[in-house]
Protein backbone atom coordinates (compact mmCIF):
# COMPACT_ATOMS: atom_id res chain seq x y z
CA MET A 1 1.69 -10.22 4.04
CA LYS A 2 -0.48 -12.66 2.09
CA ILE A 3 -3.53 -11.36 0.22
CA LEU A 4 -6.32 -13.50 -1.19
CA TYR A 5 -7.79 -11.74 -4.22
CA ILE A 6 -10.97 -13.09 -5.83
CA GLU A 7 -11.82 -11.45 -9.16
CA ASP A 8 -13.24 -13.10 -12.30
CA ASP A 9 -12.26 -10.28 -14.70
CA THR A 10 -8.85 -11.49 -15.92
CA GLU A 11 -7.70 -8.09 -17.19
CA ILE A 12 -8.39 -6.38 -13.86
CA GLY A 13 -7.15 -9.40 -11.91
CA GLU A 14 -3.79 -9.53 -13.66
CA TRP A 15 -3.31 -5.77 -13.29
CA VAL A 16 -4.11 -5.71 -9.56
CA LYS A 17 -2.07 -8.84 -8.80
CA LYS A 18 0.97 -7.47 -10.64
CA ASP A 19 0.73 -4.14 -8.82
CA LEU A 20 0.38 -5.73 -5.36
CA ILE A 21 3.28 -8.11 -5.94
CA ALA A 22 5.42 -5.12 -6.97
CA ARG A 23 4.54 -3.58 -3.61
CA GLY A 24 5.89 -6.62 -1.76
CA PHE A 25 2.70 -8.59 -1.10
CA GLU A 26 2.20 -12.29 -1.72
CA VAL A 27 -1.00 -12.60 -3.76
CA ASP A 28 -3.20 -15.65 -4.31
CA TRP A 29 -5.59 -14.70 -7.13
CA LEU A 30 -8.71 -16.79 -7.79
CA THR A 31 -11.46 -16.24 -10.35
CA SER A 32 -14.20 -17.69 -8.12
CA GLY A 33 -14.76 -18.56 -4.49
CA LEU A 34 -15.69 -22.18 -5.12
CA GLU A 35 -12.34 -23.59 -3.95
CA LEU A 36 -10.66 -21.50 -1.30
CA PRO A 37 -7.15 -21.95 0.13
CA LYS A 38 -6.51 -22.25 3.87
CA LEU A 39 -7.89 -19.00 5.20
CA ASP A 40 -5.82 -19.21 8.39
CA GLN A 41 -2.82 -18.19 6.28
CA ILE A 42 -4.52 -15.12 4.76
CA ASP A 43 -3.81 -11.62 6.09
CA LEU A 44 -6.37 -9.75 3.96
CA LEU A 45 -9.11 -10.53 1.45
CA ILE A 46 -9.98 -8.45 -1.62
CA LEU A 47 -13.29 -9.61 -3.00
CA ASP A 48 -15.22 -8.69 -6.12
CA VAL A 49 -19.01 -8.58 -5.86
CA MET A 50 -19.93 -10.11 -9.22
CA LEU A 51 -18.52 -13.64 -9.22
CA PRO A 52 -19.59 -16.85 -10.96
CA GLY A 53 -21.40 -19.25 -8.66
CA LEU A 54 -21.42 -17.75 -5.19
CA ASP A 55 -21.56 -13.93 -5.34
CA GLY A 56 -19.14 -11.76 -3.39
CA PHE A 57 -21.68 -10.65 -0.79
CA SER A 58 -22.60 -14.23 0.15
CA LEU A 59 -18.99 -15.39 0.09
CA GLY A 60 -17.77 -12.42 2.14
CA LYS A 61 -20.40 -12.93 4.83
CA ARG A 62 -19.50 -16.62 5.08
CA ILE A 63 -15.76 -15.90 5.38
CA LYS A 64 -16.23 -13.08 7.90
CA LYS A 65 -18.37 -15.35 10.07
CA THR A 66 -15.76 -18.12 10.22
CA HIS A 67 -12.66 -15.87 10.13
CA PRO A 68 -13.54 -12.49 11.71
CA SER A 69 -9.87 -11.53 12.01
CA ILE A 70 -9.44 -11.29 8.22
CA PRO A 71 -10.02 -7.72 6.96
CA ILE A 72 -12.12 -7.61 3.79
CA ILE A 73 -12.15 -5.04 0.99
CA MET A 74 -15.05 -5.28 -1.46
CA LEU A 75 -14.53 -4.19 -5.07
CA SER A 76 -17.47 -3.50 -7.33
CA ALA A 77 -18.65 -1.55 -10.33
CA ARG A 78 -21.91 -1.09 -8.44
CA THR A 79 -22.18 2.46 -7.12
CA ALA A 80 -25.70 2.34 -5.67
CA ILE A 81 -25.85 3.20 -1.97
CA ASP A 82 -27.83 0.01 -1.23
CA ASP A 83 -24.99 -2.13 -2.60
CA LYS A 84 -22.40 -0.23 -0.57
CA LEU A 85 -24.46 -0.58 2.60
CA GLU A 86 -24.91 -4.30 2.02
CA GLY A 87 -21.18 -4.72 1.55
CA LEU A 88 -20.31 -2.68 4.62
CA GLU A 89 -22.57 -4.84 6.81
CA PHE A 90 -19.71 -7.36 6.95
CA ALA A 91 -16.76 -5.93 5.00
CA ASP A 92 -14.26 -3.40 6.33
CA ASP A 93 -14.10 -1.30 3.17
CA TYR A 94 -15.89 -0.92 -0.15
CA MET A 95 -14.26 0.47 -3.30
CA THR A 96 -15.98 1.17 -6.59
CA LYS A 97 -14.38 0.49 -9.97
CA PRO A 98 -12.44 2.03 -11.58
CA PHE A 99 -9.96 2.83 -8.84
CA HIS A 100 -6.35 4.02 -8.58
CA PRO A 101 -3.82 1.41 -7.39
CA GLU A 102 -2.36 3.88 -4.89
CA GLU A 103 -5.76 4.22 -3.23
CA LEU A 104 -6.16 0.45 -2.99
CA ALA A 105 -2.65 0.12 -1.53
CA LYS A 106 -3.38 2.82 1.05
CA ARG A 107 -6.63 1.18 2.12
CA ILE A 108 -4.83 -2.16 2.45
CA GLU A 109 -2.17 -0.51 4.61
CA ILE A 110 -4.82 1.09 6.86
CA LEU A 111 -6.67 -2.20 7.39
CA LEU A 112 -3.49 -4.18 8.08
CA ARG A 113 -2.54 -1.65 10.75
CA ARG A 114 -6.06 -1.61 12.19
CA TYR A 115 -5.96 -5.38 12.56
CA ASN A 116 -2.41 -5.23 13.99
CA LYS A 117 -1.04 -7.34 11.18
CA ILE A 118 1.82 -4.92 10.59
CA SER A 119 3.59 -2.69 13.05
CA SER A 120 2.89 1.02 13.05
CA VAL A 121 6.59 1.58 13.83
CA ILE A 122 9.54 0.95 11.50
CA ASN A 123 13.19 1.09 12.57
CA LEU A 124 15.34 2.10 9.61
CA ASN A 125 19.06 2.50 10.31
CA HIS A 126 19.21 5.19 13.01
CA LEU A 127 15.60 6.28 12.44
CA LYS A 128 12.37 5.25 14.19
CA ILE A 129 9.31 6.05 12.09
CA ASP A 130 5.92 5.97 13.84
CA PHE A 131 3.12 6.03 11.28
CA THR A 132 0.41 6.49 13.90
CA LYS A 133 2.02 9.54 15.49
CA LYS A 134 3.55 10.64 12.17
CA THR A 135 6.89 11.17 13.84
CA ILE A 136 10.50 10.40 12.87
CA ILE A 137 12.99 10.06 15.72
CA ASN A 138 16.78 9.92 15.47
CA ASN A 139 17.53 7.00 17.82
CA GLU A 140 21.10 8.16 18.34
CA THR A 141 20.20 11.65 19.57
CA ASP A 142 16.59 10.96 20.63
CA GLU A 143 15.59 14.09 18.70
CA GLU A 144 12.57 14.39 16.45
CA ILE A 145 13.24 15.13 12.79
CA ILE A 146 10.72 17.61 11.41
CA LEU A 147 9.83 17.29 7.73
CA THR A 148 7.72 19.57 5.59
CA GLY A 149 4.44 18.17 4.28
CA LYS A 150 5.88 17.35 0.87
CA GLN A 151 9.05 15.84 2.34
CA TYR A 152 6.93 13.58 4.54
CA GLN A 153 4.81 12.56 1.54
CA ILE A 154 7.91 11.61 -0.45
CA PHE A 155 9.47 9.68 2.43
CA THR A 156 6.29 7.74 3.25
CA TYR A 157 5.90 6.93 -0.45
CA PHE A 158 9.35 5.33 -0.26
CA LEU A 159 8.32 3.46 2.89
CA ARG A 160 5.20 2.10 1.21
CA HIS A 161 7.48 0.77 -1.54
CA LEU A 162 10.35 -0.51 0.60
CA ASN A 163 13.12 -2.32 -1.26
CA GLN A 164 11.73 -1.26 -4.64
CA ILE A 165 13.66 0.81 -7.14
CA LEU A 166 11.47 3.78 -8.01
CA THR A 167 11.96 5.95 -11.08
CA LYS A 168 11.71 9.73 -10.92
CA GLU A 169 8.50 9.45 -12.91
CA GLN A 170 6.95 7.02 -10.40
CA LEU A 171 7.91 9.17 -7.44
CA PHE A 172 6.76 12.45 -8.93
CA GLU A 173 3.44 11.12 -10.23
CA GLY A 174 2.81 9.13 -7.03
CA VAL A 175 3.38 12.13 -4.75
CA TRP A 176 2.23 15.10 -6.84
CA ASP A 177 -0.38 13.16 -8.84
CA GLU A 178 0.70 15.05 -11.95
CA PRO A 179 2.60 13.94 -15.08
CA TYR A 180 6.37 14.14 -14.73
CA ILE A 181 8.07 16.54 -17.15
CA GLU A 182 11.56 15.46 -18.18
CA GLY A 183 14.18 17.81 -16.81
CA ASP A 184 12.06 19.01 -13.87
CA LYS A 185 14.39 19.34 -10.84
CA THR A 186 11.63 19.66 -8.20
CA LEU A 187 11.92 16.06 -6.99
CA MET A 188 15.72 16.13 -6.86
CA VAL A 189 15.65 19.30 -4.74
CA HIS A 190 13.22 17.74 -2.26
CA ILE A 191 15.30 14.57 -2.01
CA ARG A 192 18.44 16.64 -1.37
CA TYR A 193 16.70 18.41 1.51
CA LEU A 194 15.35 15.06 2.78
CA ARG A 195 18.85 13.61 2.87
CA GLU A 196 20.13 16.64 4.77
CA LYS A 197 17.58 15.91 7.48
CA LEU A 198 17.59 12.08 7.49
CA GLU A 199 21.09 10.92 6.59
CA LYS A 200 24.07 10.76 8.95
CA ASP A 201 26.21 11.94 6.04
CA PRO A 202 24.12 13.43 3.21
CA SER A 203 27.11 13.17 0.85
CA LYS A 204 27.11 9.38 1.41
CA PRO A 205 23.40 8.51 1.71
CA GLU A 206 22.54 5.15 3.28
CA ILE A 207 18.77 5.58 3.58
CA ILE A 208 17.70 7.05 0.23
CA GLU A 209 19.94 5.32 -2.29
CA THR A 210 20.54 6.62 -5.79
CA ILE A 211 20.29 3.84 -8.35
CA ARG A 212 22.33 5.26 -11.19
CA GLY A 213 20.42 5.70 -14.41
CA ILE A 214 17.13 4.52 -12.88
CA GLY A 215 15.99 6.35 -9.74
CA TYR A 216 16.00 5.83 -5.99
CA ARG A 217 15.43 3.15 -3.38
CA VAL A 218 14.91 2.85 0.38
CA LYS A 219 15.90 -0.56 1.77
CA LEU A 220 14.85 -2.08 5.07
C-alpha cells in the first residue's frame, strides 16, 4: 500500500513517516502540494490543513475531484467544528493533532478496507481470518476458533503489524494502553492460551513465533 503524506512540519512528518513505514506501508512524504507524484499510484492520502502555498482544504478538494477513488485523511491542529465540517465535505476522515499513531493506523486500515484496497480476509497457514465478520476459521476442520476479547485484541494487533518483530513492551502497551512493568507475566499467559487455540502444535508454534531475547512475530 502506497501512502502520499503531505505535511510541512518536519518533526511531525518524520515521526509519522517512520511509524507508517514500520507498519509496512510505502510512504511518499512531501512538505507542500505544489509538485505532486502520479496520483494513480496512490492508495491513500494523508493531508495537513496548514500548508505553504495551496492550503490542505483547496488541495484536497482538487485531488478528490480528479481522483475520487483515493481515500483522504485530513490532519489539523484546528479543532473548531467549522474546520472539521469543511474538511469532511470532501475528505473521508478528519483527525486533530496531537494524535496517537495507533489511532491513525486504525483509521487508515478502515479506509483501505472501505475502498476495497485491501482484503477483509487473510489466510494464515491453516487459519482464515475475516476482519469484517471478526471470525477465525480453521480451514482444515472448518471449525470456528473462539477467542476471548483480549486474545482477539492481541492477535489482531499482530495482524496489523504482520512480519514485524514486536517487543513485549510494544504488545502490552499497544493492547492494554498502559505502561509495561518488567516481569509482568500477563502477556505471556495470554499468548500461551492463544497458541493453544491457534497453533497445530502449541509446543512448536508456527503462527506466533518467539524471537529469542526480543519478543514475538506473526509472518504472512
